[in-house]
Amino acid sequence: MLINLKKDTKYEIGIYPQADKFLYKLSKKDTKTLGIVLKAIRELNIDPNNSIKLINTKNKRRIKAGDYRVIFEIDNNTSPKEINILKIGHRRNVYKNLNEL
């Protein structure tokens, strides 16, 4: 799924099914946390390089959203550029099995 948040943005945001499923579950039980995570995703569109590169991964980066982490990668080879959100989860679980993505 591709999301374009604003008309004047530099990036399109793509959400993988695993991340989309997590957002759906989060919307059912905790709307406050969902708002924090969505705000962090919107801020990615402003400057995605203002994030931390994950060690031992090829192109993956992360941002914090409260106790949750958003794992993504930037694809600069497409036009318009894309941010692919791979995984969203609680900080204690989100880093497991990252190399399989």
PDB file of N, CA and C in Angstrom:
ATOM      1  N   MET A   1       0.844  -1.161   0.000  1.00  0.00           N
ATOM      2  CA  MET A   1       0.000   0.000   0.000  1.00  0.00           C
ATOM      3  C   MET A   1       0.894   1.230   0.000  1.00  0.00           C
ATOM      4  N   LEU A   2       0.644   2.168  -0.906  1.00  0.00           N
ATOM      5  CA  LEU A   2       1.382   3.428  -0.952  1.00  0.00           C
ATOM      6  C   LEU A   2       0.512   4.539  -0.407  1.00  0.00           C
ATOM      7  N   ILE A   3       1.113   5.381   0.406  1.00  0.00           N
ATOM      8  CA  ILE A   3       0.397   6.498   0.994  1.00  0.00           C
ATOM      9  C   ILE A   3       1.137   7.770   0.627  1.00  0.00           C
ATOM     10  N   ASN A   4       0.457   8.738   0.092  1.00  0.00           N
ATOM     11  CA  ASN A   4       1.042  10.050  -0.122  1.00  0.00           C
ATOM     12  C   ASN A   4       0.358  10.996   0.849  1.00  0.00           C
ATOM     13  N   LEU A   5       1.089  11.465   1.849  1.00  0.00           N
ATOM     14  CA  LEU A   5       0.484  12.225   2.936  1.00  0.00           C
ATOM     15  C   LEU A   5       0.138  13.657   2.559  1.00  0.00           C
ATOM     16  N   LYS A   6       0.960  14.290   1.746  1.00  0.00           N
ATOM     17  CA  LYS A   6       0.706  15.666   1.318  1.00  0.00           C
ATOM     18  C   LYS A   6       1.073  15.785  -0.153  1.00  0.00           C
ATOM     19  N   LYS A   7       0.605  16.830  -0.786  1.00  0.00           N
ATOM     20  CA  LYS A   7       0.890  16.995  -2.205  1.00  0.00           C
ATOM     21  C   LYS A   7       2.334  17.418  -2.463  1.00  0.00           C
ATOM     22  N   ASP A   8       2.942  18.159  -1.549  1.00  0.00           N
ATOM     23  CA  ASP A   8       4.270  18.709  -1.772  1.00  0.00           C
ATOM     24  C   ASP A   8       5.381  17.886  -1.130  1.00  0.00           C
ATOM     25  N   THR A   9       5.164  16.615  -0.937  1.00  0.00           N
ATOM     26  CA  THR A   9       6.160  15.811  -0.248  1.00  0.00           C
ATOM     27  C   THR A   9       7.188  15.256  -1.220  1.00  0.00           C
ATOM     28  N   LYS A  10       8.342  14.931  -0.700  1.00  0.00           N
ATOM     29  CA  LYS A  10       9.421  14.393  -1.511  1.00  0.00           C
ATOM     30  C   LYS A  10       9.329  12.881  -1.653  1.00  0.00           C
ATOM     31  N   TYR A  11       8.647  12.228  -0.732  1.00  0.00           N
ATOM     32  CA  TYR A  11       8.621  10.776  -0.670  1.00  0.00           C
ATOM     33  C   TYR A  11       7.192  10.251  -0.675  1.00  0.00           C
ATOM     34  N   GLU A  12       7.036   9.044  -1.205  1.00  0.00           N
ATOM     35  CA  GLU A  12       5.808   8.293  -1.022  1.00  0.00           C
ATOM     36  C   GLU A  12       6.091   7.249   0.034  1.00  0.00           C
ATOM     37  N   ILE A  13       5.122   6.955   0.865  1.00  0.00           N
ATOM     38  CA  ILE A  13       5.320   6.004   1.944  1.00  0.00           C
ATOM     39  C   ILE A  13       4.578   4.718   1.620  1.00  0.00           C
ATOM     40  N   GLY A  14       5.312   3.634   1.573  1.00  0.00           N
ATOM     41  CA  GLY A  14       4.739   2.316   1.351  1.00  0.00           C
ATOM     42  C   GLY A  14       4.746   1.531   2.646  1.00  0.00           C
ATOM     43  N   ILE A  15       3.644   0.876   2.953  1.00  0.00           N
ATOM     44  CA  ILE A  15       3.544   0.117   4.194  1.00  0.00           C
ATOM     45  C   ILE A  15       3.405  -1.361   3.853  1.00  0.00           C
ATOM     46  N   TYR A  16       4.324  -2.167   4.349  1.00  0.00           N
ATOM     47  CA  TYR A  16       4.270  -3.605   4.143  1.00  0.00           C
ATOM     48  C   TYR A  16       3.106  -4.200   4.937  1.00  0.00           C
ATOM     49  N   PRO A  17       2.593  -5.349   4.513  1.00  0.00           N
ATOM     50  CA  PRO A  17       1.421  -5.948   5.189  1.00  0.00           C
ATOM     51  C   PRO A  17       1.621  -6.199   6.682  1.00  0.00           C
ATOM     52  N   GLN A  18       2.817  -6.575   7.089  1.00  0.00           N
ATOM     53  CA  GLN A  18       3.070  -6.834   8.504  1.00  0.00           C
ATOM     54  C   GLN A  18       2.900  -5.556   9.337  1.00  0.00           C
ATOM     55  N   ALA A  19       3.387  -4.429   8.823  1.00  0.00           N
ATOM     56  CA  ALA A  19       3.242  -3.154   9.522  1.00  0.00           C
ATOM     57  C   ALA A  19       1.790  -2.685   9.493  1.00  0.00           C
ATOM     58  N   ASP A  20       1.120  -2.894   8.364  1.00  0.00           N
ATOM     59  CA  ASP A  20      -0.285  -2.503   8.240  1.00  0.00           C
ATOM     60  C   ASP A  20      -1.157  -3.281   9.218  1.00  0.00           C
ATOM     61  N   LYS A  21      -0.875  -4.559   9.374  1.00  0.00           N
ATOM     62  CA  LYS A  21      -1.617  -5.395  10.312  1.00  0.00           C
ATOM     63  C   LYS A  21      -1.415  -4.912  11.748  1.00  0.00           C
ATOM     64  N   PHE A  22      -0.187  -4.520  12.084  1.00  0.00           N
ATOM     65  CA  PHE A  22       0.083  -4.014  13.426  1.00  0.00           C
ATOM     66  C   PHE A  22      -0.677  -2.708  13.679  1.00  0.00           C
ATOM     67  N   LEU A  23      -0.709  -1.810  12.690  1.00  0.00           N
ATOM     68  CA  LEU A  23      -1.451  -0.547  12.845  1.00  0.00           C
ATOM     69  C   LEU A  23      -2.938  -0.806  13.038  1.00  0.00           C
ATOM     70  N   TYR A  24      -3.467  -1.793  12.326  1.00  0.00           N
ATOM     71  CA  TYR A  24      -4.878  -2.135  12.469  1.00  0.00           C
ATOM     72  C   TYR A  24      -5.177  -2.630  13.877  1.00  0.00           C
ATOM     73  N   LYS A  25      -4.323  -3.524  14.395  1.00  0.00           N
ATOM     74  CA  LYS A  25      -4.525  -4.038  15.747  1.00  0.00           C
ATOM     75  C   LYS A  25      -4.382  -2.932  16.786  1.00  0.00           C
ATOM     76  N   LEU A  26      -3.432  -2.037  16.563  1.00  0.00           N
ATOM     77  CA  LEU A  26      -3.220  -0.939  17.494  1.00  0.00           C
ATOM     78  C   LEU A  26      -4.402   0.023  17.498  1.00  0.00           C
ATOM     79  N   SER A  27      -5.043   0.208  16.358  1.00  0.00           N
ATOM     80  CA  SER A  27      -6.196   1.107  16.287  1.00  0.00           C
ATOM     81  C   SER A  27      -7.379   0.567  17.082  1.00  0.00           C
ATOM     82  N   LYS A  28      -7.449  -0.742  17.247  1.00  0.00           N
ATOM     83  CA  LYS A  28      -8.539  -1.353  17.999  1.00  0.00           C
ATOM     84  C   LYS A  28      -8.370  -1.190  19.506  1.00  0.00           C
ATOM     85  N   LYS A  29      -7.102  -1.160  19.991  1.00  0.00           N
ATOM     86  CA  LYS A  29      -6.927  -1.170  21.442  1.00  0.00           C
ATOM     87  C   LYS A  29      -6.344   0.102  22.037  1.00  0.00           C
ATOM     88  N   ASP A  30      -5.566   0.897  21.284  1.00  0.00           N
ATOM     89  CA  ASP A  30      -4.916   2.056  21.880  1.00  0.00           C
ATOM     90  C   ASP A  30      -4.785   3.186  20.856  1.00  0.00           C
ATOM     91  N   THR A  31      -5.761   4.075  20.816  1.00  0.00           N
ATOM     92  CA  THR A  31      -5.748   5.141  19.823  1.00  0.00           C
ATOM     93  C   THR A  31      -4.705   6.211  20.138  1.00  0.00           C
ATOM     94  N   LYS A  32      -4.368   6.396  21.403  1.00  0.00           N
ATOM     95  CA  LYS A  32      -3.350   7.391  21.765  1.00  0.00           C
ATOM     96  C   LYS A  32      -1.993   6.987  21.198  1.00  0.00           C
ATOM     97  N   THR A  33      -1.625   5.733  21.376  1.00  0.00           N
ATOM     98  CA  THR A  33      -0.358   5.240  20.848  1.00  0.00           C
ATOM     99  C   THR A  33      -0.374   5.237  19.323  1.00  0.00           C
ATOM    100  N   LEU A  34      -1.511   4.926  18.742  1.00  0.00           N
ATOM    101  CA  LEU A  34      -1.639   4.964  17.286  1.00  0.00           C
ATOM    102  C   LEU A  34      -1.343   6.369  16.769  1.00  0.00           C
ATOM    103  N   GLY A  35      -1.835   7.391  17.454  1.00  0.00           N
ATOM    104  CA  GLY A  35      -1.563   8.768  17.057  1.00  0.00           C
ATOM    105  C   GLY A  35      -0.084   9.101  17.123  1.00  0.00           C
ATOM    106  N   ILE A  36       0.601   8.593  18.142  1.00  0.00           N
ATOM    107  CA  ILE A  36       2.044   8.835  18.278  1.00  0.00           C
ATOM    108  C   ILE A  36       2.808   8.176  17.133  1.00  0.00           C
ATOM    109  N   VAL A  37       2.432   6.952  16.794  1.00  0.00           N
ATOM    110  CA  VAL A  37       3.109   6.228  15.713  1.00  0.00           C
ATOM    111  C   VAL A  37       2.846   6.908  14.368  1.00  0.00           C
ATOM    112  N   LEU A  38       1.616   7.305  14.111  1.00  0.00           N
ATOM    113  CA  LEU A  38       1.300   7.967  12.836  1.00  0.00           C
ATOM    114  C   LEU A  38       1.991   9.319  12.711  1.00  0.00           C
ATOM    115  N   LYS A  39       2.140  10.021  13.814  1.00  0.00           N
ATOM    116  CA  LYS A  39       2.870  11.300  13.797  1.00  0.00           C
ATOM    117  C   LYS A  39       4.330  11.069  13.427  1.00  0.00           C
ATOM    118  N   ALA A  40       4.928  10.011  13.975  1.00  0.00           N
ATOM    119  CA  ALA A  40       6.315   9.685  13.646  1.00  0.00           C
ATOM    120  C   ALA A  40       6.455   9.322  12.166  1.00  0.00           C
ATOM    121  N   ILE A  41       5.476   8.624  11.621  1.00  0.00           N
ATOM    122  CA  ILE A  41       5.512   8.264  10.201  1.00  0.00           C
ATOM    123  C   ILE A  41       5.376   9.514   9.334  1.00  0.00           C
ATOM    124  N   ARG A  42       4.520  10.443   9.725  1.00  0.00           N
ATOM    125  CA  ARG A  42       4.378  11.701   8.980  1.00  0.00           C
ATOM    126  C   ARG A  42       5.682  12.500   8.998  1.00  0.00           C
ATOM    127  N   GLU A  43       6.390  12.479  10.119  1.00  0.00           N
ATOM    128  CA  GLU A  43       7.650  13.216  10.219  1.00  0.00           C
ATOM    129  C   GLU A  43       8.747  12.593   9.364  1.00  0.00           C
ATOM    130  N   LEU A  44       8.607  11.321   9.036  1.00  0.00           N
ATOM    131  CA  LEU A  44       9.551  10.677   8.126  1.00  0.00           C
ATOM    132  C   LEU A  44       9.559  11.370   6.772  1.00  0.00           C
ATOM    133  N   ASN A  45       8.423  11.840   6.361  1.00  0.00           N
ATOM    134  CA  ASN A  45       8.294  12.483   5.065  1.00  0.00           C
ATOM    135  C   ASN A  45       9.089  13.778   4.993  1.00  0.00           C
ATOM    136  N   ILE A  46       9.311  14.418   6.122  1.00  0.00           N
ATOM    137  CA  ILE A  46      10.069  15.669   6.154  1.00  0.00           C
ATOM    138  C   ILE A  46      11.561  15.383   5.993  1.00  0.00           C
ATOM    139  N   ASP A  47      12.094  14.498   6.824  1.00  0.00           N
ATOM    140  CA  ASP A  47      13.521  14.170   6.752  1.00  0.00           C
ATOM    141  C   ASP A  47      13.747  12.734   7.208  1.00  0.00           C
ATOM    142  N   PRO A  48      13.706  11.772   6.291  1.00  0.00           N
ATOM    143  CA  PRO A  48      13.887  10.374   6.685  1.00  0.00           C
ATOM    144  C   PRO A  48      15.317  10.050   7.102  1.00  0.00           C
ATOM    145  N   ASN A  49      16.265  10.882   6.741  1.00  0.00           N
ATOM    146  CA  ASN A  49      17.648  10.640   7.121  1.00  0.00           C
ATOM    147  C   ASN A  49      17.919  11.038   8.568  1.00  0.00           C
ATOM    148  N   ASN A  50      16.935  11.615   9.229  1.00  0.00           N
ATOM    149  CA  ASN A  50      17.041  11.952  10.639  1.00  0.00           C
ATOM    150  C   ASN A  50      16.592  10.743  11.461  1.00  0.00           C
ATOM    151  N   SER A  51      17.235   9.631  11.207  1.00  0.00           N
ATOM    152  CA  SER A  51      16.906   8.372  11.860  1.00  0.00           C
ATOM    153  C   SER A  51      18.200   7.613  12.099  1.00  0.00           C
ATOM    154  N   ILE A  52      18.085   6.472  12.740  1.00  0.00           N
ATOM    155  CA  ILE A  52      19.274   5.700  13.090  1.00  0.00           C
ATOM    156  C   ILE A  52      19.350   4.461  12.196  1.00  0.00           C
ATOM    157  N   LYS A  53      20.527   4.262  11.588  1.00  0.00           N
ATOM    158  CA  LYS A  53      20.752   3.077  10.760  1.00  0.00           C
ATOM    159  C   LYS A  53      20.947   1.879  11.676  1.00  0.00           C
ATOM    160  N   LEU A  54      20.311   0.784  11.337  1.00  0.00           N
ATOM    161  CA  LEU A  54      20.426  -0.425  12.146  1.00  0.00           C
ATOM    162  C   LEU A  54      21.722  -1.170  11.818  1.00  0.00           C
ATOM    163  N   ILE A  55      22.368  -1.660  12.860  1.00  0.00           N
ATOM    164  CA  ILE A  55      23.624  -2.390  12.706  1.00  0.00           C
ATOM    165  C   ILE A  55      23.329  -3.770  12.116  1.00  0.00           C
ATOM    166  N   ASN A  56      24.237  -4.256  11.285  1.00  0.00           N
ATOM    167  CA  ASN A  56      24.157  -5.586  10.664  1.00  0.00           C
ATOM    168  C   ASN A  56      22.958  -5.740   9.731  1.00  0.00           C
ATOM    169  N   THR A  57      22.469  -4.657   9.208  1.00  0.00           N
ATOM    170  CA  THR A  57      21.432  -4.719   8.182  1.00  0.00           C
ATOM    171  C   THR A  57      21.914  -3.901   6.997  1.00  0.00           C
ATOM    172  N   LYS A  58      21.363  -4.195   5.849  1.00  0.00           N
ATOM    173  CA  LYS A  58      21.860  -3.546   4.645  1.00  0.00           C
ATOM    174  C   LYS A  58      21.398  -2.091   4.528  1.00  0.00           C
ATOM    175  N   ASN A  59      20.127  -1.860   4.580  1.00  0.00           N
ATOM    176  CA  ASN A  59      19.596  -0.524   4.303  1.00  0.00           C
ATOM    177  C   ASN A  59      18.539  -0.093   5.305  1.00  0.00           C
ATOM    178  N   LYS A  60      18.374  -0.816   6.369  1.00  0.00           N
ATOM    179  CA  LYS A  60      17.249  -0.565   7.271  1.00  0.00           C
ATOM    180  C   LYS A  60      17.589   0.519   8.282  1.00  0.00           C
ATOM    181  N   ARG A  61      16.560   1.313   8.609  1.00  0.00           N
ATOM    182  CA  ARG A  61      16.690   2.400   9.570  1.00  0.00           C
ATOM    183  C   ARG A  61      15.527   2.322  10.540  1.00  0.00           C
ATOM    184  N   ARG A  62      15.607   3.083  11.648  1.00  0.00           N
ATOM    185  CA  ARG A  62      14.530   3.068  12.625  1.00  0.00           C
ATOM    186  C   ARG A  62      14.307   4.452  13.198  1.00  0.00           C
ATOM    187  N   ILE A  63      13.066   4.671  13.636  1.00  0.00           N
ATOM    188  CA  ILE A  63      12.721   5.860  14.409  1.00  0.00           C
ATOM    189  C   ILE A  63      11.934   5.413  15.628  1.00  0.00           C
ATOM    190  N   LYS A  64      11.965   6.240  16.653  1.00  0.00           N
ATOM    191  CA  LYS A  64      11.231   5.957  17.882  1.00  0.00           C
ATOM    192  C   LYS A  64       9.879   6.635  17.833  1.00  0.00           C
ATOM    193  N   ALA A  65       8.890   5.958  18.397  1.00  0.00           N
ATOM    194  CA  ALA A  65       7.550   6.521  18.571  1.00  0.00           C
ATOM    195  C   ALA A  65       7.062   6.056  19.942  1.00  0.00           C
ATOM    196  N   GLY A  66       7.516   6.731  20.981  1.00  0.00           N
ATOM    197  CA  GLY A  66       7.194   6.291  22.334  1.00  0.00           C
ATOM    198  C   GLY A  66       7.905   4.982  22.621  1.00  0.00           C
ATOM    199  N   ASP A  67       7.178   3.968  23.079  1.00  0.00           N
ATOM    200  CA  ASP A  67       7.751   2.646  23.321  1.00  0.00           C
ATOM    201  C   ASP A  67       7.780   1.795  22.059  1.00  0.00           C
ATOM    202  N   TYR A  68       7.366   2.333  20.949  1.00  0.00           N
ATOM    203  CA  TYR A  68       7.298   1.597  19.691  1.00  0.00           C
ATOM    204  C   TYR A  68       8.389   2.070  18.745  1.00  0.00           C
ATOM    205  N   ARG A  69       8.763   1.190  17.825  1.00  0.00           N
ATOM    206  CA  ARG A  69       9.780   1.500  16.824  1.00  0.00           C
ATOM    207  C   ARG A  69       9.204   1.242  15.445  1.00  0.00           C
ATOM    208  N   VAL A  70       9.586   2.104  14.505  1.00  0.00           N
ATOM    209  CA  VAL A  70       9.189   1.969  13.105  1.00  0.00           C
ATOM    210  C   VAL A  70      10.455   1.645  12.319  1.00  0.00           C
ATOM    211  N   ILE A  71      10.484   0.459  11.720  1.00  0.00           N
ATOM    212  CA  ILE A  71      11.617   0.009  10.919  1.00  0.00           C
ATOM    213  C   ILE A  71      11.273   0.259   9.450  1.00  0.00           C
ATOM    214  N   PHE A  72      12.179   0.927   8.732  1.00  0.00           N
ATOM    215  CA  PHE A  72      11.893   1.275   7.341  1.00  0.00           C
ATOM    216  C   PHE A  72      13.177   1.294   6.538  1.00  0.00           C
ATOM    217  N   GLU A  73      13.014   1.406   5.217  1.00  0.00           N
ATOM    218  CA  GLU A  73      14.149   1.614   4.327  1.00  0.00           C
ATOM    219  C   GLU A  73      13.775   2.650   3.283  1.00  0.00           C
ATOM    220  N   ILE A  74      14.774   3.371   2.806  1.00  0.00           N
ATOM    221  CA  ILE A  74      14.565   4.444   1.835  1.00  0.00           C
ATOM    222  C   ILE A  74      14.998   3.936   0.471  1.00  0.00           C
ATOM    223  N   ASP A  75      14.141   4.099  -0.520  1.00  0.00           N
ATOM    224  CA  ASP A  75      14.450   3.700  -1.890  1.00  0.00           C
ATOM    225  C   ASP A  75      14.599   4.965  -2.728  1.00  0.00           C
ATOM    226  N   ASN A  76      15.848   5.382  -2.953  1.00  0.00           N
ATOM    227  CA  ASN A  76      16.122   6.606  -3.705  1.00  0.00           C
ATOM    228  C   ASN A  76      16.161   6.377  -5.205  1.00  0.00           C
ATOM    229  N   ASN A  77      16.073   5.128  -5.640  1.00  0.00           N
ATOM    230  CA  ASN A  77      16.203   4.808  -7.064  1.00  0.00           C
ATOM    231  C   ASN A  77      14.909   5.008  -7.844  1.00  0.00           C
ATOM    232  N   THR A  78      13.790   5.149  -7.156  1.00  0.00           N
ATOM    233  CA  THR A  78      12.509   5.324  -7.840  1.00  0.00           C
ATOM    234  C   THR A  78      12.174   6.805  -7.951  1.00  0.00           C
ATOM    235  N   SER A  79      11.249   7.110  -8.806  1.00  0.00           N
ATOM    236  CA  SER A  79      10.781   8.486  -8.913  1.00  0.00           C
ATOM    237  C   SER A  79       9.268   8.477  -8.820  1.00  0.00           C
ATOM    238  N   PRO A  80       8.640   9.056  -7.846  1.00  0.00           N
ATOM    239  CA  PRO A  80       9.222   9.751  -6.690  1.00  0.00           C
ATOM    240  C   PRO A  80       9.855   8.760  -5.722  1.00  0.00           C
ATOM    241  N   LYS A  81      10.715   9.275  -4.874  1.00  0.00           N
ATOM    242  CA  LYS A  81      11.411   8.438  -3.900  1.00  0.00           C
ATOM    243  C   LYS A  81      10.405   7.803  -2.940  1.00  0.00           C
ATOM    244  N   GLU A  82      10.750   6.614  -2.452  1.00  0.00           N
ATOM    245  CA  GLU A  82       9.828   5.885  -1.576  1.00  0.00           C
ATOM    246  C   GLU A  82      10.473   5.574  -0.236  1.00  0.00           C
ATOM    247  N   ILE A  83       9.632   5.595   0.800  1.00  0.00           N
ATOM    248  CA  ILE A  83       9.993   5.097   2.119  1.00  0.00           C
ATOM    249  C   ILE A  83       9.123   3.866   2.337  1.00  0.00           C
ATOM    250  N   ASN A  84       9.752   2.718   2.522  1.00  0.00           N
ATOM    251  CA  ASN A  84       9.019   1.475   2.730  1.00  0.00           C
ATOM    252  C   ASN A  84       9.059   1.118   4.206  1.00  0.00           C
ATOM    253  N   ILE A  85       7.907   1.155   4.858  1.00  0.00           N
ATOM    254  CA  ILE A  85       7.823   0.799   6.267  1.00  0.00           C
ATOM    255  C   ILE A  85       7.687  -0.712   6.347  1.00  0.00           C
ATOM    256  N   LEU A  86       8.701  -1.344   6.914  1.00  0.00           N
ATOM    257  CA  LEU A  86       8.778  -2.796   6.945  1.00  0.00           C
ATOM    258  C   LEU A  86       8.077  -3.393   8.149  1.00  0.00           C
ATOM    259  N   LYS A  87       8.289  -2.784   9.311  1.00  0.00           N
ATOM    260  CA  LYS A  87       7.791  -3.380  10.541  1.00  0.00           C
ATOM    261  C   LYS A  87       7.578  -2.296  11.581  1.00  0.00           C
ATOM    262  N   ILE A  88       6.524  -2.448  12.364  1.00  0.00           N
ATOM    263  CA  ILE A  88       6.245  -1.572  13.488  1.00  0.00           C
ATOM    264  C   ILE A  88       5.965  -2.479  14.679  1.00  0.00           C
ATOM    265  N   GLY A  89       6.524  -2.138  15.828  1.00  0.00           N
ATOM    266  CA  GLY A  89       6.270  -2.973  16.990  1.00  0.00           C
ATOM    267  C   GLY A  89       6.839  -2.382  18.255  1.00  0.00           C
ATOM    268  N   HIS A  90       6.545  -3.046  19.361  1.00  0.00           N
ATOM    269  CA  HIS A  90       7.064  -2.633  20.657  1.00  0.00           C
ATOM    270  C   HIS A  90       8.575  -2.835  20.662  1.00  0.00           C
ATOM    271  N   ARG A  91       9.273  -2.008  21.392  1.00  0.00           N
ATOM    272  CA  ARG A  91      10.733  -2.012  21.352  1.00  0.00           C
ATOM    273  C   ARG A  91      11.353  -3.339  21.777  1.00  0.00           C
ATOM    274  N   ARG A  92      10.651  -4.116  22.582  1.00  0.00           N
ATOM    275  CA  ARG A  92      11.245  -5.382  23.021  1.00  0.00           C
ATOM    276  C   ARG A  92      11.095  -6.492  21.983  1.00  0.00           C
ATOM    277  N   ASN A  93      10.194  -6.338  21.022  1.00  0.00           N
ATOM    278  CA  ASN A  93       9.941  -7.403  20.044  1.00  0.00           C
ATOM    279  C   ASN A  93      10.299  -7.058  18.606  1.00  0.00           C
ATOM    280  N   VAL A  94      10.438  -5.802  18.288  1.00  0.00           N
ATOM    281  CA  VAL A  94      10.491  -5.397  16.888  1.00  0.00           C
ATOM    282  C   VAL A  94      11.786  -5.800  16.182  1.00  0.00           C
ATOM    283  N   TYR A  95      12.863  -5.983  16.917  1.00  0.00           N
ATOM    284  CA  TYR A  95      14.148  -6.263  16.274  1.00  0.00           C
ATOM    285  C   TYR A  95      14.365  -7.740  15.972  1.00  0.00           C
ATOM    286  N   LYS A  96      13.466  -8.595  16.372  1.00  0.00           N
ATOM    287  CA  LYS A  96      13.597 -10.024  16.111  1.00  0.00           C
ATOM    288  C   LYS A  96      13.298 -10.304  14.635  1.00  0.00           C
ATOM    289  N   ASN A  97      14.107 -11.127  14.025  1.00  0.00           N
ATOM    290  CA  ASN A  97      13.915 -11.583  12.636  1.00  0.00           C
ATOM    291  C   ASN A  97      13.923 -10.450  11.617  1.00  0.00           C
ATOM    292  N   LEU A  98      14.763  -9.450  11.795  1.00  0.00           N
ATOM    293  CA  LEU A  98      14.833  -8.345  10.833  1.00  0.00           C
ATOM    294  C   LEU A  98      15.484  -8.757   9.519  1.00  0.00           C
ATOM    295  N   ASN A  99      16.381  -9.708   9.555  1.00  0.00           N
ATOM    296  CA  ASN A  99      17.065 -10.102   8.323  1.00  0.00           C
ATOM    297  C   ASN A  99      16.160 -10.864   7.372  1.00  0.00           C
ATOM    298  N   GLU A 100      15.009 -11.318   7.853  1.00  0.00           N
ATOM    299  CA  GLU A 100      14.070 -12.029   6.988  1.00  0.00           C
ATOM    300  C   GLU A 100      13.208 -11.077   6.161  1.00  0.00           C
ATOM    301  N   LEU A 101      13.208  -9.801   6.492  1.00  0.00           N
ATOM    302  CA  LEU A 101      12.373  -8.832   5.756  1.00  0.00           C
ATOM    303  C   LEU A 101      13.000  -8.465   4.430  1.00  0.00           C
TER     304      LEU A 101
END
